[in-house]
N, C-alpha and C. Protein backbone atom coordinates (compact mmCIF):
# COMPACT_ATOMS: atom_id res chain seq x y z
N MET A 1 11.78 -5.82 20.45
CA MET A 1 10.72 -6.44 19.75
C MET A 1 10.90 -6.18 18.19
N GLY A 2 10.99 -7.25 17.44
CA GLY A 2 11.14 -7.08 16.01
C GLY A 2 9.81 -7.14 15.33
N LEU A 3 9.82 -6.94 14.04
CA LEU A 3 8.57 -7.04 13.29
C LEU A 3 8.15 -8.51 13.14
N ASP A 4 6.88 -8.66 12.88
CA ASP A 4 6.25 -9.91 12.62
C ASP A 4 7.01 -10.75 11.64
N GLU A 5 7.34 -12.02 12.00
CA GLU A 5 8.19 -12.85 11.17
C GLU A 5 7.53 -13.14 9.75
N GLU A 6 6.22 -13.27 9.72
CA GLU A 6 5.55 -13.53 8.45
C GLU A 6 5.74 -12.29 7.55
N LEU A 7 5.63 -11.09 8.05
CA LEU A 7 5.81 -9.90 7.28
C LEU A 7 7.23 -9.81 6.75
N VAL A 8 8.21 -10.07 7.63
CA VAL A 8 9.58 -10.00 7.19
C VAL A 8 9.97 -11.04 6.14
N ALA A 9 9.44 -12.25 6.32
CA ALA A 9 9.72 -13.31 5.36
C ALA A 9 9.19 -12.97 3.99
N LEU A 10 7.94 -12.42 3.95
CA LEU A 10 7.36 -12.03 2.72
C LEU A 10 8.14 -10.85 2.09
N ALA A 11 8.54 -9.95 2.93
CA ALA A 11 9.30 -8.78 2.47
C ALA A 11 10.63 -9.26 1.85
N ARG A 12 11.25 -10.25 2.41
CA ARG A 12 12.52 -10.81 1.86
C ARG A 12 12.24 -11.33 0.47
N ARG A 13 11.07 -12.04 0.30
CA ARG A 13 10.78 -12.55 -1.03
C ARG A 13 10.54 -11.41 -2.03
N VAL A 14 9.87 -10.36 -1.58
CA VAL A 14 9.62 -9.18 -2.40
C VAL A 14 10.94 -8.56 -2.87
N VAL A 15 11.86 -8.38 -1.93
CA VAL A 15 13.17 -7.78 -2.27
C VAL A 15 13.90 -8.74 -3.24
N ASP A 16 13.97 -10.01 -2.92
CA ASP A 16 14.76 -10.94 -3.77
C ASP A 16 14.13 -11.04 -5.18
N GLU A 17 12.82 -11.16 -5.28
CA GLU A 17 12.18 -11.38 -6.59
C GLU A 17 12.20 -10.06 -7.42
N ASN A 18 12.09 -8.96 -6.79
CA ASN A 18 12.17 -7.68 -7.53
C ASN A 18 13.59 -7.40 -7.97
N ARG A 19 14.54 -7.78 -7.14
CA ARG A 19 15.97 -7.61 -7.54
C ARG A 19 16.21 -8.45 -8.80
N ALA A 20 15.72 -9.74 -8.79
CA ALA A 20 15.93 -10.61 -9.94
C ALA A 20 15.19 -10.08 -11.14
N ALA A 21 14.11 -9.43 -10.99
CA ALA A 21 13.32 -8.88 -12.08
C ALA A 21 13.82 -7.49 -12.53
N GLY A 22 14.76 -6.93 -11.81
CA GLY A 22 15.31 -5.60 -12.11
C GLY A 22 14.27 -4.50 -11.85
N ARG A 23 13.38 -4.70 -10.93
CA ARG A 23 12.34 -3.73 -10.66
C ARG A 23 12.61 -2.92 -9.35
N ARG A 24 12.28 -1.62 -9.40
CA ARG A 24 12.31 -0.79 -8.18
C ARG A 24 10.91 -0.54 -7.75
N ILE A 25 10.73 -0.48 -6.42
CA ILE A 25 9.36 -0.37 -5.89
C ILE A 25 9.18 0.84 -4.98
N ALA A 26 7.90 1.27 -4.89
CA ALA A 26 7.52 2.36 -3.97
C ALA A 26 6.17 1.97 -3.35
N THR A 27 5.92 2.58 -2.18
CA THR A 27 4.66 2.33 -1.47
C THR A 27 3.98 3.61 -1.13
N ALA A 28 2.64 3.59 -1.08
CA ALA A 28 1.85 4.67 -0.56
C ALA A 28 0.89 4.09 0.47
N GLU A 29 1.16 4.42 1.75
CA GLU A 29 0.39 3.78 2.79
C GLU A 29 -0.43 4.78 3.62
N SER A 30 -1.59 4.40 3.97
CA SER A 30 -2.39 5.16 4.92
C SER A 30 -2.60 4.42 6.17
N CYS A 31 -3.61 3.51 6.24
CA CYS A 31 -3.96 2.82 7.52
C CYS A 31 -2.80 1.97 8.04
N THR A 32 -1.89 1.52 7.21
CA THR A 32 -0.77 0.70 7.66
C THR A 32 0.36 1.58 8.18
N GLY A 33 0.30 2.85 7.99
CA GLY A 33 1.30 3.78 8.55
C GLY A 33 2.77 3.44 8.32
N GLY A 34 3.08 2.83 7.21
CA GLY A 34 4.43 2.55 6.89
C GLY A 34 4.89 1.11 7.28
N LEU A 35 3.91 0.24 7.59
CA LEU A 35 4.24 -1.11 8.00
C LEU A 35 4.86 -1.88 6.88
N VAL A 36 4.42 -1.64 5.62
CA VAL A 36 5.01 -2.31 4.44
C VAL A 36 6.45 -1.85 4.30
N ALA A 37 6.64 -0.57 4.37
CA ALA A 37 7.99 0.00 4.23
C ALA A 37 8.89 -0.50 5.34
N ALA A 38 8.34 -0.59 6.54
CA ALA A 38 9.18 -1.12 7.67
C ALA A 38 9.57 -2.52 7.48
N ALA A 39 8.69 -3.37 6.94
CA ALA A 39 8.98 -4.76 6.67
C ALA A 39 10.09 -4.89 5.56
N LEU A 40 9.92 -4.04 4.53
CA LEU A 40 10.92 -4.07 3.45
C LEU A 40 12.33 -3.66 3.95
N THR A 41 12.33 -2.61 4.79
CA THR A 41 13.64 -2.14 5.28
C THR A 41 14.28 -2.99 6.37
N GLU A 42 13.54 -4.03 6.84
CA GLU A 42 14.14 -5.02 7.70
C GLU A 42 15.05 -5.94 6.97
N VAL A 43 14.93 -5.95 5.63
CA VAL A 43 15.68 -6.90 4.78
C VAL A 43 17.00 -6.24 4.34
N ALA A 44 18.09 -6.87 4.66
CA ALA A 44 19.43 -6.36 4.22
C ALA A 44 19.40 -6.34 2.70
N GLY A 45 19.83 -5.26 2.08
CA GLY A 45 19.90 -5.17 0.63
C GLY A 45 18.62 -4.64 -0.01
N ALA A 46 17.64 -4.23 0.83
CA ALA A 46 16.40 -3.62 0.33
C ALA A 46 16.64 -2.44 -0.54
N SER A 47 17.72 -1.72 -0.24
CA SER A 47 17.99 -0.51 -1.03
C SER A 47 18.24 -0.80 -2.53
N ASP A 48 18.51 -2.04 -2.85
CA ASP A 48 18.68 -2.44 -4.26
C ASP A 48 17.34 -2.26 -5.07
N VAL A 49 16.21 -2.39 -4.35
CA VAL A 49 14.90 -2.35 -5.04
C VAL A 49 13.99 -1.29 -4.45
N PHE A 50 14.08 -0.93 -3.20
CA PHE A 50 13.06 -0.06 -2.54
C PHE A 50 13.49 1.40 -2.74
N ASP A 51 12.66 2.13 -3.51
CA ASP A 51 12.99 3.53 -3.81
C ASP A 51 12.47 4.44 -2.69
N ARG A 52 11.18 4.40 -2.36
CA ARG A 52 10.66 5.27 -1.36
C ARG A 52 9.25 4.86 -0.91
N ALA A 53 8.83 5.45 0.25
CA ALA A 53 7.52 5.23 0.79
C ALA A 53 6.88 6.60 1.03
N PHE A 54 5.59 6.63 0.76
CA PHE A 54 4.75 7.82 1.07
C PHE A 54 3.85 7.35 2.18
N ILE A 55 3.88 7.99 3.34
CA ILE A 55 2.91 7.72 4.40
C ILE A 55 1.92 8.91 4.42
N THR A 56 0.74 8.66 3.82
CA THR A 56 -0.22 9.71 3.59
C THR A 56 -1.46 9.40 4.40
N TYR A 57 -1.35 9.66 5.71
CA TYR A 57 -2.46 9.33 6.59
C TYR A 57 -3.63 10.25 6.44
N SER A 58 -3.38 11.52 6.29
CA SER A 58 -4.49 12.49 6.14
C SER A 58 -4.88 12.68 4.65
N ASN A 59 -6.06 13.16 4.41
CA ASN A 59 -6.51 13.48 3.06
C ASN A 59 -5.58 14.58 2.44
N GLU A 60 -5.19 15.52 3.28
CA GLU A 60 -4.31 16.61 2.81
C GLU A 60 -2.99 16.01 2.30
N ALA A 61 -2.43 15.05 3.06
CA ALA A 61 -1.18 14.43 2.61
C ALA A 61 -1.40 13.66 1.28
N LYS A 62 -2.55 13.02 1.12
CA LYS A 62 -2.83 12.26 -0.13
C LYS A 62 -2.83 13.25 -1.30
N ILE A 63 -3.44 14.44 -1.07
CA ILE A 63 -3.55 15.45 -2.13
C ILE A 63 -2.16 16.08 -2.38
N GLU A 64 -1.47 16.51 -1.34
CA GLU A 64 -0.19 17.23 -1.52
C GLU A 64 0.93 16.32 -1.99
N MET A 65 1.04 15.13 -1.41
CA MET A 65 2.25 14.29 -1.70
C MET A 65 2.02 13.36 -2.92
N LEU A 66 0.75 13.03 -3.20
CA LEU A 66 0.50 12.00 -4.23
C LEU A 66 -0.37 12.54 -5.40
N GLY A 67 -0.96 13.71 -5.20
CA GLY A 67 -1.71 14.33 -6.27
C GLY A 67 -3.08 13.72 -6.37
N VAL A 68 -3.58 13.13 -5.29
CA VAL A 68 -4.98 12.56 -5.28
C VAL A 68 -5.94 13.75 -5.41
N SER A 69 -6.92 13.62 -6.24
CA SER A 69 -7.88 14.67 -6.51
C SER A 69 -8.76 14.88 -5.28
N ASP A 70 -8.98 16.10 -4.85
CA ASP A 70 -9.83 16.33 -3.71
C ASP A 70 -11.30 16.01 -4.10
N ASP A 71 -11.62 15.96 -5.42
CA ASP A 71 -12.93 15.55 -5.85
C ASP A 71 -13.18 14.09 -5.54
N ILE A 72 -12.19 13.23 -5.81
CA ILE A 72 -12.32 11.82 -5.51
C ILE A 72 -12.51 11.61 -4.02
N LEU A 73 -11.70 12.30 -3.22
CA LEU A 73 -11.80 12.15 -1.78
C LEU A 73 -13.16 12.63 -1.24
N ALA A 74 -13.62 13.75 -1.75
CA ALA A 74 -14.90 14.34 -1.33
C ALA A 74 -16.11 13.41 -1.73
N THR A 75 -15.96 12.91 -2.95
CA THR A 75 -17.12 12.10 -3.51
C THR A 75 -17.07 10.64 -3.01
N LEU A 76 -15.96 10.01 -3.06
CA LEU A 76 -15.87 8.60 -2.79
C LEU A 76 -15.20 8.26 -1.44
N GLY A 77 -14.47 9.19 -0.86
CA GLY A 77 -13.80 8.98 0.39
C GLY A 77 -12.40 8.40 0.25
N ALA A 78 -11.67 8.46 1.34
CA ALA A 78 -10.30 7.96 1.35
C ALA A 78 -10.21 6.45 1.21
N VAL A 79 -11.26 5.76 1.64
CA VAL A 79 -11.29 4.29 1.55
C VAL A 79 -12.17 3.93 0.34
N SER A 80 -11.57 4.10 -0.85
CA SER A 80 -12.25 3.75 -2.10
C SER A 80 -11.21 3.22 -3.04
N GLU A 81 -11.65 2.41 -3.98
CA GLU A 81 -10.67 1.91 -4.98
C GLU A 81 -10.12 3.03 -5.85
N ALA A 82 -10.94 4.08 -6.09
CA ALA A 82 -10.48 5.19 -6.91
C ALA A 82 -9.34 5.93 -6.20
N THR A 83 -9.50 6.09 -4.85
CA THR A 83 -8.46 6.76 -4.04
C THR A 83 -7.20 5.91 -4.05
N ALA A 84 -7.37 4.64 -3.82
CA ALA A 84 -6.18 3.77 -3.84
C ALA A 84 -5.46 3.80 -5.17
N TRP A 85 -6.20 3.75 -6.25
CA TRP A 85 -5.61 3.84 -7.58
C TRP A 85 -4.86 5.14 -7.78
N ALA A 86 -5.50 6.26 -7.35
CA ALA A 86 -4.80 7.56 -7.44
C ALA A 86 -3.57 7.66 -6.62
N MET A 87 -3.58 6.99 -5.44
CA MET A 87 -2.47 6.97 -4.57
C MET A 87 -1.30 6.19 -5.22
N ALA A 88 -1.58 5.02 -5.72
CA ALA A 88 -0.59 4.15 -6.40
C ALA A 88 -0.03 4.89 -7.64
N SER A 89 -0.92 5.49 -8.44
CA SER A 89 -0.43 6.23 -9.60
C SER A 89 0.44 7.35 -9.23
N GLY A 90 0.02 8.08 -8.20
CA GLY A 90 0.84 9.25 -7.73
C GLY A 90 2.16 8.82 -7.22
N ALA A 91 2.24 7.68 -6.47
CA ALA A 91 3.49 7.19 -5.99
C ALA A 91 4.41 6.81 -7.12
N LEU A 92 3.83 6.20 -8.17
CA LEU A 92 4.62 5.81 -9.32
C LEU A 92 5.21 7.02 -10.02
N LYS A 93 4.38 8.07 -10.21
CA LYS A 93 4.78 9.29 -10.91
C LYS A 93 5.84 10.04 -10.15
N ARG A 94 5.76 9.99 -8.79
CA ARG A 94 6.59 10.82 -7.95
C ARG A 94 7.79 10.06 -7.35
N SER A 95 8.17 8.93 -8.07
CA SER A 95 9.28 8.12 -7.61
C SER A 95 10.05 7.63 -8.78
N ASN A 96 11.08 6.83 -8.53
CA ASN A 96 11.87 6.18 -9.60
C ASN A 96 11.48 4.69 -9.65
N ALA A 97 10.26 4.37 -9.24
CA ALA A 97 9.85 2.94 -9.12
C ALA A 97 9.23 2.47 -10.44
N ASP A 98 9.32 1.15 -10.60
CA ASP A 98 8.69 0.44 -11.76
C ASP A 98 7.29 -0.09 -11.32
N VAL A 99 7.09 -0.21 -9.97
CA VAL A 99 5.83 -0.67 -9.48
C VAL A 99 5.53 0.02 -8.19
N ALA A 100 4.28 0.45 -7.97
CA ALA A 100 3.92 1.07 -6.71
C ALA A 100 2.60 0.50 -6.23
N ILE A 101 2.48 0.36 -4.93
CA ILE A 101 1.24 -0.12 -4.34
C ILE A 101 0.71 0.97 -3.39
N ALA A 102 -0.61 0.91 -3.16
CA ALA A 102 -1.24 1.83 -2.28
C ALA A 102 -2.20 1.01 -1.40
N ILE A 103 -2.29 1.47 -0.12
CA ILE A 103 -3.21 0.86 0.85
C ILE A 103 -3.92 1.98 1.64
N SER A 104 -5.25 1.85 1.73
CA SER A 104 -6.06 2.83 2.55
C SER A 104 -7.21 2.04 3.14
N GLY A 105 -7.45 2.26 4.39
CA GLY A 105 -8.53 1.49 4.98
C GLY A 105 -8.94 1.99 6.38
N ILE A 106 -9.81 1.23 6.98
CA ILE A 106 -10.39 1.48 8.30
C ILE A 106 -9.97 0.43 9.27
N ALA A 107 -8.93 0.73 10.07
CA ALA A 107 -8.37 -0.28 11.02
C ALA A 107 -9.06 -0.27 12.37
N GLY A 108 -9.91 0.71 12.65
CA GLY A 108 -10.71 0.70 13.78
C GLY A 108 -9.95 1.20 15.07
N PRO A 109 -10.55 1.16 16.23
CA PRO A 109 -11.85 0.49 16.45
C PRO A 109 -13.03 1.29 15.97
N GLY A 110 -12.86 2.62 15.79
CA GLY A 110 -13.95 3.48 15.28
C GLY A 110 -13.74 3.75 13.80
N GLY A 111 -14.57 4.60 13.24
CA GLY A 111 -14.43 5.07 11.94
C GLY A 111 -15.20 4.27 10.85
N GLY A 112 -15.77 3.17 11.21
CA GLY A 112 -16.45 2.35 10.24
C GLY A 112 -17.89 2.86 10.04
N SER A 113 -18.57 2.36 8.98
CA SER A 113 -19.95 2.67 8.71
C SER A 113 -20.60 1.42 8.19
N ASP A 114 -21.88 1.49 7.93
CA ASP A 114 -22.55 0.31 7.28
C ASP A 114 -21.99 -0.04 5.97
N LYS A 115 -21.65 0.91 5.14
CA LYS A 115 -21.09 0.71 3.80
C LYS A 115 -19.62 0.31 3.87
N LYS A 116 -18.90 0.91 4.81
CA LYS A 116 -17.45 0.63 4.96
C LYS A 116 -17.17 0.36 6.43
N PRO A 117 -17.46 -0.91 6.81
CA PRO A 117 -17.20 -1.29 8.20
C PRO A 117 -15.71 -1.39 8.53
N VAL A 118 -15.42 -1.37 9.84
CA VAL A 118 -14.06 -1.58 10.33
C VAL A 118 -13.51 -2.85 9.69
N GLY A 119 -12.32 -2.83 9.17
CA GLY A 119 -11.71 -3.93 8.48
C GLY A 119 -11.77 -3.85 6.94
N THR A 120 -12.42 -2.76 6.47
CA THR A 120 -12.44 -2.55 5.02
C THR A 120 -11.14 -1.87 4.63
N VAL A 121 -10.44 -2.51 3.65
CA VAL A 121 -9.16 -1.95 3.21
C VAL A 121 -9.09 -1.99 1.68
N VAL A 122 -8.72 -0.92 1.07
CA VAL A 122 -8.60 -0.90 -0.43
C VAL A 122 -7.10 -0.93 -0.79
N PHE A 123 -6.83 -1.55 -1.90
CA PHE A 123 -5.49 -1.71 -2.41
C PHE A 123 -5.43 -1.35 -3.90
N ALA A 124 -4.29 -0.88 -4.35
CA ALA A 124 -4.04 -0.70 -5.73
C ALA A 124 -2.58 -0.93 -6.08
N ARG A 125 -2.34 -1.34 -7.35
CA ARG A 125 -0.98 -1.52 -7.84
C ARG A 125 -0.90 -0.80 -9.19
N ALA A 126 0.12 -0.02 -9.30
CA ALA A 126 0.38 0.64 -10.65
C ALA A 126 1.77 0.23 -11.11
N LEU A 127 1.84 -0.04 -12.40
CA LEU A 127 3.07 -0.45 -13.10
C LEU A 127 3.47 0.56 -14.10
N LYS A 128 4.78 0.93 -14.12
CA LYS A 128 5.31 1.82 -15.11
C LYS A 128 5.11 1.27 -16.51
N ASP A 129 5.42 -0.03 -16.68
CA ASP A 129 5.24 -0.70 -17.97
C ASP A 129 3.93 -1.43 -17.88
N GLU A 130 2.87 -0.86 -18.46
CA GLU A 130 1.55 -1.44 -18.34
C GLU A 130 1.38 -2.82 -18.95
N SER A 131 2.33 -3.12 -19.85
CA SER A 131 2.27 -4.48 -20.49
C SER A 131 2.75 -5.53 -19.50
N ALA A 132 3.40 -5.11 -18.34
CA ALA A 132 3.91 -6.07 -17.38
C ALA A 132 2.85 -6.68 -16.50
N GLY A 133 1.61 -6.21 -16.58
CA GLY A 133 0.58 -6.85 -15.83
C GLY A 133 -0.64 -5.91 -15.77
N PRO A 134 -1.77 -6.44 -15.23
CA PRO A 134 -2.96 -5.69 -15.21
C PRO A 134 -2.94 -4.59 -14.18
N VAL A 135 -3.74 -3.53 -14.43
CA VAL A 135 -4.03 -2.50 -13.44
C VAL A 135 -4.80 -3.18 -12.34
N LEU A 136 -4.54 -2.92 -11.13
CA LEU A 136 -5.26 -3.56 -10.06
C LEU A 136 -5.78 -2.57 -9.02
N ALA A 137 -7.04 -2.68 -8.69
CA ALA A 137 -7.58 -2.00 -7.57
C ALA A 137 -8.64 -3.00 -6.96
N ASP A 138 -8.53 -3.17 -5.60
CA ASP A 138 -9.32 -4.22 -5.01
C ASP A 138 -9.68 -3.77 -3.57
N THR A 139 -10.83 -4.34 -3.12
CA THR A 139 -11.25 -4.10 -1.71
C THR A 139 -11.24 -5.40 -0.99
N HIS A 140 -10.70 -5.41 0.24
CA HIS A 140 -10.71 -6.57 1.11
C HIS A 140 -11.52 -6.18 2.34
N HIS A 141 -12.35 -7.17 2.82
CA HIS A 141 -13.10 -6.97 4.04
C HIS A 141 -12.53 -8.01 5.02
N PHE A 142 -11.60 -7.52 5.87
CA PHE A 142 -10.97 -8.43 6.83
C PHE A 142 -11.85 -8.76 8.05
N GLY A 143 -12.83 -7.91 8.25
CA GLY A 143 -13.68 -8.05 9.48
C GLY A 143 -13.00 -7.28 10.58
N ASP A 144 -13.70 -7.19 11.70
CA ASP A 144 -13.19 -6.47 12.87
C ASP A 144 -12.23 -7.37 13.69
N LEU A 145 -10.98 -7.54 13.14
CA LEU A 145 -10.02 -8.39 13.79
C LEU A 145 -9.22 -7.69 14.89
N GLY A 146 -9.46 -6.42 15.08
CA GLY A 146 -8.66 -5.58 15.95
C GLY A 146 -7.69 -4.80 15.09
N ARG A 147 -7.36 -3.59 15.55
CA ARG A 147 -6.52 -2.69 14.79
C ARG A 147 -5.20 -3.31 14.36
N THR A 148 -4.52 -3.93 15.25
CA THR A 148 -3.16 -4.46 14.94
C THR A 148 -3.24 -5.55 13.85
N GLU A 149 -4.21 -6.47 14.01
CA GLU A 149 -4.34 -7.55 13.02
C GLU A 149 -4.84 -7.07 11.67
N ILE A 150 -5.70 -6.05 11.63
CA ILE A 150 -6.19 -5.53 10.38
C ILE A 150 -4.97 -4.90 9.59
N ARG A 151 -4.17 -4.11 10.32
CA ARG A 151 -2.99 -3.54 9.74
C ARG A 151 -2.01 -4.59 9.25
N ARG A 152 -1.82 -5.62 10.05
CA ARG A 152 -0.87 -6.68 9.64
C ARG A 152 -1.36 -7.40 8.42
N GLN A 153 -2.64 -7.74 8.38
CA GLN A 153 -3.20 -8.40 7.16
C GLN A 153 -3.12 -7.54 5.95
N ALA A 154 -3.38 -6.24 6.14
CA ALA A 154 -3.29 -5.31 5.04
C ALA A 154 -1.83 -5.19 4.49
N ALA A 155 -0.90 -5.20 5.42
CA ALA A 155 0.53 -5.16 4.98
C ALA A 155 0.90 -6.39 4.21
N LEU A 156 0.44 -7.57 4.65
CA LEU A 156 0.69 -8.80 3.92
C LEU A 156 0.14 -8.72 2.50
N VAL A 157 -1.11 -8.26 2.34
CA VAL A 157 -1.67 -8.12 0.99
C VAL A 157 -0.84 -7.13 0.20
N GLY A 158 -0.47 -6.01 0.79
CA GLY A 158 0.40 -5.05 0.06
C GLY A 158 1.69 -5.66 -0.39
N LEU A 159 2.35 -6.36 0.44
CA LEU A 159 3.59 -7.02 0.05
C LEU A 159 3.39 -8.04 -1.06
N ARG A 160 2.31 -8.82 -0.99
CA ARG A 160 2.02 -9.79 -2.11
C ARG A 160 1.82 -9.04 -3.44
N LEU A 161 1.25 -7.89 -3.39
CA LEU A 161 1.03 -7.10 -4.61
C LEU A 161 2.34 -6.63 -5.22
N LEU A 162 3.40 -6.60 -4.44
CA LEU A 162 4.69 -6.16 -4.96
C LEU A 162 5.50 -7.30 -5.56
N LEU A 163 5.03 -8.55 -5.48
CA LEU A 163 5.73 -9.67 -6.09
C LEU A 163 5.59 -9.54 -7.63
N PRO A 164 6.69 -9.81 -8.30
CA PRO A 164 6.59 -9.79 -9.81
C PRO A 164 5.68 -10.87 -10.37
């Protein structure tokens, strides 16, 4: 069983367009568990642009591997735009990438709340050259589509954020 064709097709675009732009990329993933990295590495020649992935599922991993502040996690939670931004910034600082994205969310079936229901996913993109584009942190509410589909949709958004 291979990866979802839509994910791999988009990953191919990400690799090709970042190669053409001379950019290296990194990912910091939580709820997607490396799905973006897996899609990228399905593409032959991904090593031309893909530097590394951080799979930081636990809060401890976010703190230790990416330098996310425990204050942010304690105050706002792992599923917050501030956390996603800190994850993307940490991935950028701790890699040789020109662009890094971060994904953190609630894939379900449990773990949701009234304020952050299942299907809530936060994203961020950090760029080494800030003049290359705006800082981005955003929240998507996919709804309770089921764990697999929430993770797939989140990976698609993450890949789109890596396009130059």
